[in-house]
Amino acid sequence: MEIKNCDTDDIDEIFRLYKVARDFQKTKFTMHWPEFESKLIKTEISENRQWKLLIDNQVACVWAITFDDAQIWEERNNDLSIYLHRIATNPNFRGQNLVRKILKWAKKYAKENDKKYIRMDTVGNNPGLISYYEKCGFDFLGLVYLKNTNGLPAPYKNSYIGLFQATTDSRR
């Protein structure tokens, strides 16, 4: 297993995994990811914020990070945090606890960047997904209704958002 930054050669695979994830979401939930713009992904790649987990030289999953997520985290955004976004798993690697591996990596990455928290969010009240992320090592902080959704993807509008957090010193 290896975790490293994505590069522009990964763009097609990133979008393929996003489509697979979106198609899966449509079978399970009423909320699902929108189609993301190529410009967003290229920017994340150029800023070294788009990551991939490789198993046997195959992309097992991808995700993005940011150091700022004010619209979602509002006043808590001032905390020293990294935010995980858009974890998309290759179907050939489902069931291998990749989110746990990502969290382990994120704790180390956060410490190296003088951050205390690893955070992420989900759209809607999804008890199964909440339980899964808790089993992976995140604390569920609850559901919030966002005050400002301007510019956010459609699923964030008129929906509750689940907030999750882990700390760099948590043992899980």
C-alpha atoms as a PDB file:
ATOM      1  CA  MET A   1       0.000   0.000   0.000  1.00  0.00           C
ATOM      2  CA  GLU A   2       1.236   3.463  -0.902  1.00  0.00           C
ATOM      3  CA  ILE A   3      -0.315   6.917  -0.511  1.00  0.00           C
ATOM      4  CA  LYS A   4       0.847   9.743  -2.732  1.00  0.00           C
ATOM      5  CA  ASN A   5      -0.307  12.860  -4.488  1.00  0.00           C
ATOM      6  CA  CYS A   6      -2.283  12.526  -7.677  1.00  0.00           C
ATOM      7  CA  ASP A   7      -0.909  14.019 -10.867  1.00  0.00           C
ATOM      8  CA  THR A   8      -2.557  15.098 -14.092  1.00  0.00           C
ATOM      9  CA  ASP A   9      -2.217  11.555 -15.490  1.00  0.00           C
ATOM     10  CA  ASP A  10      -4.737  10.481 -12.803  1.00  0.00           C
ATOM     11  CA  ILE A  11      -7.544  12.835 -13.876  1.00  0.00           C
ATOM     12  CA  ASP A  12      -9.428  10.270 -15.973  1.00  0.00           C
ATOM     13  CA  GLU A  13      -9.267   7.716 -13.141  1.00  0.00           C
ATOM     14  CA  ILE A  14     -10.391  10.302 -10.577  1.00  0.00           C
ATOM     15  CA  PHE A  15     -13.457  11.130 -12.670  1.00  0.00           C
ATOM     16  CA  ARG A  16     -14.148   7.438 -13.276  1.00  0.00           C
ATOM     17  CA  LEU A  17     -14.116   6.788  -9.522  1.00  0.00           C
ATOM     18  CA  TYR A  18     -16.352   9.814  -8.906  1.00  0.00           C
ATOM     19  CA  LYS A  19     -18.840   8.445 -11.439  1.00  0.00           C
ATOM     20  CA  VAL A  20     -18.736   4.990  -9.834  1.00  0.00           C
ATOM     21  CA  ALA A  21     -19.287   6.588  -6.397  1.00  0.00           C
ATOM     22  CA  ARG A  22     -22.130   8.785  -7.679  1.00  0.00           C
ATOM     23  CA  ASP A  23     -23.828   5.820  -9.364  1.00  0.00           C
ATOM     24  CA  PHE A  24     -23.527   3.824  -6.126  1.00  0.00           C
ATOM     25  CA  GLN A  25     -24.890   6.744  -4.094  1.00  0.00           C
ATOM     26  CA  LYS A  26     -27.919   6.932  -6.390  1.00  0.00           C
ATOM     27  CA  THR A  27     -28.803   3.322  -5.524  1.00  0.00           C
ATOM     28  CA  LYS A  28     -28.580   3.927  -1.762  1.00  0.00           C
ATOM     29  CA  PHE A  29     -29.467   7.546  -1.011  1.00  0.00           C
ATOM     30  CA  THR A  30     -31.582  10.390  -2.285  1.00  0.00           C
ATOM     31  CA  MET A  31     -28.544  12.683  -2.046  1.00  0.00           C
ATOM     32  CA  HIS A  32     -25.544  12.122  -4.279  1.00  0.00           C
ATOM     33  CA  TRP A  33     -22.485  13.929  -5.550  1.00  0.00           C
ATOM     34  CA  PRO A  34     -22.850  16.357  -8.417  1.00  0.00           C
ATOM     35  CA  GLU A  35     -20.528  16.176 -11.388  1.00  0.00           C
ATOM     36  CA  PHE A  36     -17.355  18.022 -10.457  1.00  0.00           C
ATOM     37  CA  GLU A  37     -15.569  20.448 -12.740  1.00  0.00           C
ATOM     38  CA  SER A  38     -12.229  19.515 -14.221  1.00  0.00           C
ATOM     39  CA  LYS A  39     -10.852  22.895 -13.117  1.00  0.00           C
ATOM     40  CA  LEU A  40     -11.453  21.982  -9.454  1.00  0.00           C
ATOM     41  CA  ILE A  41      -9.542  18.713  -9.751  1.00  0.00           C
ATOM     42  CA  LYS A  42      -6.683  20.292 -11.700  1.00  0.00           C
ATOM     43  CA  THR A  43      -6.373  23.001  -9.047  1.00  0.00           C
ATOM     44  CA  GLU A  44      -6.300  20.419  -6.248  1.00  0.00           C
ATOM     45  CA  ILE A  45      -3.628  18.453  -8.106  1.00  0.00           C
ATOM     46  CA  SER A  46      -1.494  21.551  -8.709  1.00  0.00           C
ATOM     47  CA  GLU A  47      -1.795  22.447  -5.003  1.00  0.00           C
ATOM     48  CA  ASN A  48      -0.908  18.872  -3.914  1.00  0.00           C
ATOM     49  CA  ARG A  49      -4.325  18.422  -2.273  1.00  0.00           C
ATOM     50  CA  GLN A  50      -5.597  15.471  -4.351  1.00  0.00           C
ATOM     51  CA  TRP A  51      -4.416  12.087  -3.061  1.00  0.00           C
ATOM     52  CA  LYS A  52      -4.525   8.446  -4.059  1.00  0.00           C
ATOM     53  CA  LEU A  53      -4.045   5.171  -2.244  1.00  0.00           C
ATOM     54  CA  LEU A  54      -2.342   2.556  -4.392  1.00  0.00           C
ATOM     55  CA  ILE A  55      -2.523  -1.193  -3.843  1.00  0.00           C
ATOM     56  CA  ASP A  56      -0.458  -3.338  -6.198  1.00  0.00           C
ATOM     57  CA  ASN A  57       0.055  -0.252  -8.406  1.00  0.00           C
ATOM     58  CA  GLN A  58      -3.713   0.186  -8.828  1.00  0.00           C
ATOM     59  CA  VAL A  59      -5.629   3.221  -7.615  1.00  0.00           C
ATOM     60  CA  ALA A  60      -7.725   1.839  -4.758  1.00  0.00           C
ATOM     61  CA  CYS A  61      -9.242   5.188  -3.816  1.00  0.00           C
ATOM     62  CA  VAL A  62      -8.858   8.934  -4.161  1.00  0.00           C
ATOM     63  CA  TRP A  63      -9.697  11.903  -1.965  1.00  0.00           C
ATOM     64  CA  ALA A  64      -8.978  15.587  -1.593  1.00  0.00           C
ATOM     65  CA  ILE A  65      -7.946  17.667   1.388  1.00  0.00           C
ATOM     66  CA  THR A  66      -8.155  21.301   2.323  1.00  0.00           C
ATOM     67  CA  PHE A  67      -7.034  23.358   5.294  1.00  0.00           C
ATOM     68  CA  ASP A  68     -10.133  25.528   5.237  1.00  0.00           C
ATOM     69  CA  ASP A  69     -13.834  24.666   5.114  1.00  0.00           C
ATOM     70  CA  ALA A  70     -15.571  27.726   6.570  1.00  0.00           C
ATOM     71  CA  GLN A  71     -18.976  27.224   4.957  1.00  0.00           C
ATOM     72  CA  ILE A  72     -19.373  23.765   6.458  1.00  0.00           C
ATOM     73  CA  TRP A  73     -17.554  24.189   9.764  1.00  0.00           C
ATOM     74  CA  GLU A  74     -18.513  27.832  10.367  1.00  0.00           C
ATOM     75  CA  GLU A  75     -16.991  29.059  13.682  1.00  0.00           C
ATOM     76  CA  ARG A  76     -15.127  25.763  14.202  1.00  0.00           C
ATOM     77  CA  ASN A  77     -13.167  26.466  11.015  1.00  0.00           C
ATOM     78  CA  ASN A  78     -10.695  28.451  13.163  1.00  0.00           C
ATOM     79  CA  ASP A  79      -9.447  25.195  14.701  1.00  0.00           C
ATOM     80  CA  LEU A  80      -6.189  23.783  13.328  1.00  0.00           C
ATOM     81  CA  SER A  81      -7.637  21.148  10.985  1.00  0.00           C
ATOM     82  CA  ILE A  82      -7.390  19.308   7.725  1.00  0.00           C
ATOM     83  CA  TYR A  83     -10.624  18.440   5.951  1.00  0.00           C
ATOM     84  CA  LEU A  84     -11.124  15.289   3.905  1.00  0.00           C
ATOM     85  CA  HIS A  85     -13.408  15.477   0.877  1.00  0.00           C
ATOM     86  CA  ARG A  86     -14.753  13.167  -1.819  1.00  0.00           C
ATOM     87  CA  ILE A  87     -13.339   9.797  -0.794  1.00  0.00           C
ATOM     88  CA  ALA A  88     -14.085   7.595  -3.804  1.00  0.00           C
ATOM     89  CA  THR A  89     -13.211   3.905  -3.696  1.00  0.00           C
ATOM     90  CA  ASN A  90     -12.451   1.651  -6.612  1.00  0.00           C
ATOM     91  CA  PRO A  91     -15.112  -1.126  -6.460  1.00  0.00           C
ATOM     92  CA  ASN A  92     -12.340  -3.739  -6.733  1.00  0.00           C
ATOM     93  CA  PHE A  93     -11.121  -2.610  -3.291  1.00  0.00           C
ATOM     94  CA  ARG A  94     -14.396  -2.166  -1.382  1.00  0.00           C
ATOM     95  CA  GLY A  95     -14.527  -3.818   2.023  1.00  0.00           C
ATOM     96  CA  GLN A  96     -10.815  -3.291   2.730  1.00  0.00           C
ATOM     97  CA  ASN A  97     -11.301  -0.552   5.359  1.00  0.00           C
ATOM     98  CA  LEU A  98      -9.641   2.083   3.209  1.00  0.00           C
ATOM     99  CA  VAL A  99     -11.153   4.932   5.228  1.00  0.00           C
ATOM    100  CA  ARG A 100      -9.278   3.617   8.269  1.00  0.00           C
ATOM    101  CA  LYS A 101      -6.068   3.654   6.234  1.00  0.00           C
ATOM    102  CA  ILE A 102      -6.806   7.189   5.056  1.00  0.00           C
ATOM    103  CA  LEU A 103      -7.470   8.319   8.630  1.00  0.00           C
ATOM    104  CA  LYS A 104      -4.194   6.790   9.830  1.00  0.00           C
ATOM    105  CA  TRP A 105      -2.372   8.653   7.045  1.00  0.00           C
ATOM    106  CA  ALA A 106      -4.333  11.865   7.755  1.00  0.00           C
ATOM    107  CA  LYS A 107      -3.355  11.835  11.440  1.00  0.00           C
ATOM    108  CA  LYS A 108       0.315  11.692  10.498  1.00  0.00           C
ATOM    109  CA  TYR A 109      -0.122  14.294   7.757  1.00  0.00           C
ATOM    110  CA  ALA A 110      -2.010  16.610  10.127  1.00  0.00           C
ATOM    111  CA  LYS A 111       0.712  16.351  12.779  1.00  0.00           C
ATOM    112  CA  GLU A 112       3.386  17.109  10.188  1.00  0.00           C
ATOM    113  CA  ASN A 113       1.421  20.235   9.221  1.00  0.00           C
ATOM    114  CA  ASP A 114       0.788  21.380  12.817  1.00  0.00           C
ATOM    115  CA  LYS A 115      -2.918  20.519  12.716  1.00  0.00           C
ATOM    116  CA  LYS A 116      -4.870  18.921  15.544  1.00  0.00           C
ATOM    117  CA  TYR A 117      -8.063  17.702  13.856  1.00  0.00           C
ATOM    118  CA  ILE A 118      -9.014  15.598  10.867  1.00  0.00           C
ATOM    119  CA  ARG A 119     -12.543  16.439   9.774  1.00  0.00           C
ATOM    120  CA  MET A 120     -15.073  15.494   7.163  1.00  0.00           C
ATOM    121  CA  ASP A 121     -18.756  15.866   6.469  1.00  0.00           C
ATOM    122  CA  THR A 122     -21.601  13.985   4.843  1.00  0.00           C
ATOM    123  CA  VAL A 123     -24.906  15.191   3.489  1.00  0.00           C
ATOM    124  CA  GLY A 124     -28.109  14.027   5.140  1.00  0.00           C
ATOM    125  CA  ASN A 125     -28.951  11.853   8.108  1.00  0.00           C
ATOM    126  CA  ASN A 126     -27.584   8.465   7.112  1.00  0.00           C
ATOM    127  CA  PRO A 127     -27.330   6.193  10.199  1.00  0.00           C
ATOM    128  CA  GLY A 128     -25.439   3.464   8.300  1.00  0.00           C
ATOM    129  CA  LEU A 129     -22.791   5.860   7.036  1.00  0.00           C
ATOM    130  CA  ILE A 130     -22.524   7.547  10.436  1.00  0.00           C
ATOM    131  CA  SER A 131     -21.915   4.166  12.066  1.00  0.00           C
ATOM    132  CA  TYR A 132     -19.351   3.233   9.424  1.00  0.00           C
ATOM    133  CA  TYR A 133     -17.312   6.418   9.927  1.00  0.00           C
ATOM    134  CA  GLU A 134     -17.453   5.951  13.697  1.00  0.00           C
ATOM    135  CA  LYS A 135     -16.089   2.403  13.275  1.00  0.00           C
ATOM    136  CA  CYS A 136     -13.299   3.862  11.136  1.00  0.00           C
ATOM    137  CA  GLY A 137     -12.226   6.096  14.031  1.00  0.00           C
ATOM    138  CA  PHE A 138     -14.151   9.333  13.609  1.00  0.00           C
ATOM    139  CA  ASP A 139     -16.294  10.900  16.301  1.00  0.00           C
ATOM    140  CA  PHE A 140     -19.737  11.927  15.080  1.00  0.00           C
ATOM    141  CA  LEU A 141     -20.302  15.529  16.190  1.00  0.00           C
ATOM    142  CA  GLY A 142     -23.917  15.674  15.090  1.00  0.00           C
ATOM    143  CA  LEU A 143     -26.106  17.062  12.349  1.00  0.00           C
ATOM    144  CA  VAL A 144     -26.140  20.752  11.476  1.00  0.00           C
ATOM    145  CA  TYR A 145     -28.144  22.863   9.080  1.00  0.00           C
ATOM    146  CA  LEU A 146     -25.812  25.204   7.214  1.00  0.00           C
ATOM    147  CA  LYS A 147     -26.397  28.952   7.414  1.00  0.00           C
ATOM    148  CA  ASN A 148     -24.761  29.790   4.072  1.00  0.00           C
ATOM    149  CA  THR A 149     -24.831  27.361   1.157  1.00  0.00           C
ATOM    150  CA  ASN A 150     -23.993  29.849  -1.611  1.00  0.00           C
ATOM    151  CA  GLY A 151     -21.617  28.181  -4.056  1.00  0.00           C
ATOM    152  CA  LEU A 152     -21.879  24.738  -2.460  1.00  0.00           C
ATOM    153  CA  PRO A 153     -23.086  21.746  -4.509  1.00  0.00           C
ATOM    154  CA  ALA A 154     -26.848  21.194  -4.598  1.00  0.00           C
ATOM    155  CA  PRO A 155     -26.945  18.376  -2.012  1.00  0.00           C
ATOM    156  CA  TYR A 156     -25.798  20.843   0.679  1.00  0.00           C
ATOM    157  CA  LYS A 157     -28.794  23.079   0.166  1.00  0.00           C
ATOM    158  CA  ASN A 158     -31.822  22.400   2.397  1.00  0.00           C
ATOM    159  CA  SER A 159     -30.271  19.371   4.059  1.00  0.00           C
ATOM    160  CA  TYR A 160     -28.656  18.449   7.319  1.00  0.00           C
ATOM    161  CA  ILE A 161     -24.917  17.865   7.263  1.00  0.00           C
ATOM    162  CA  GLY A 162     -23.209  15.243   9.419  1.00  0.00           C
ATOM    163  CA  LEU A 163     -19.924  16.413  10.940  1.00  0.00           C
ATOM    164  CA  PHE A 164     -17.110  14.011  11.822  1.00  0.00           C
ATOM    165  CA  GLN A 165     -13.813  14.586  13.573  1.00  0.00           C
ATOM    166  CA  ALA A 166     -10.743  12.734  14.777  1.00  0.00           C
ATOM    167  CA  THR A 167      -7.716  14.136  16.561  1.00  0.00           C
ATOM    168  CA  THR A 168      -4.085  13.512  15.865  1.00  0.00           C
ATOM    169  CA  ASP A 169      -3.697  12.101  19.371  1.00  0.00           C
ATOM    170  CA  SER A 170      -6.717   9.757  19.322  1.00  0.00           C
ATOM    171  CA  ARG A 171      -5.753   6.087  19.535  1.00  0.00           C
ATOM    172  CA  ARG A 172      -8.472   4.700  17.281  1.00  0.00           C
END
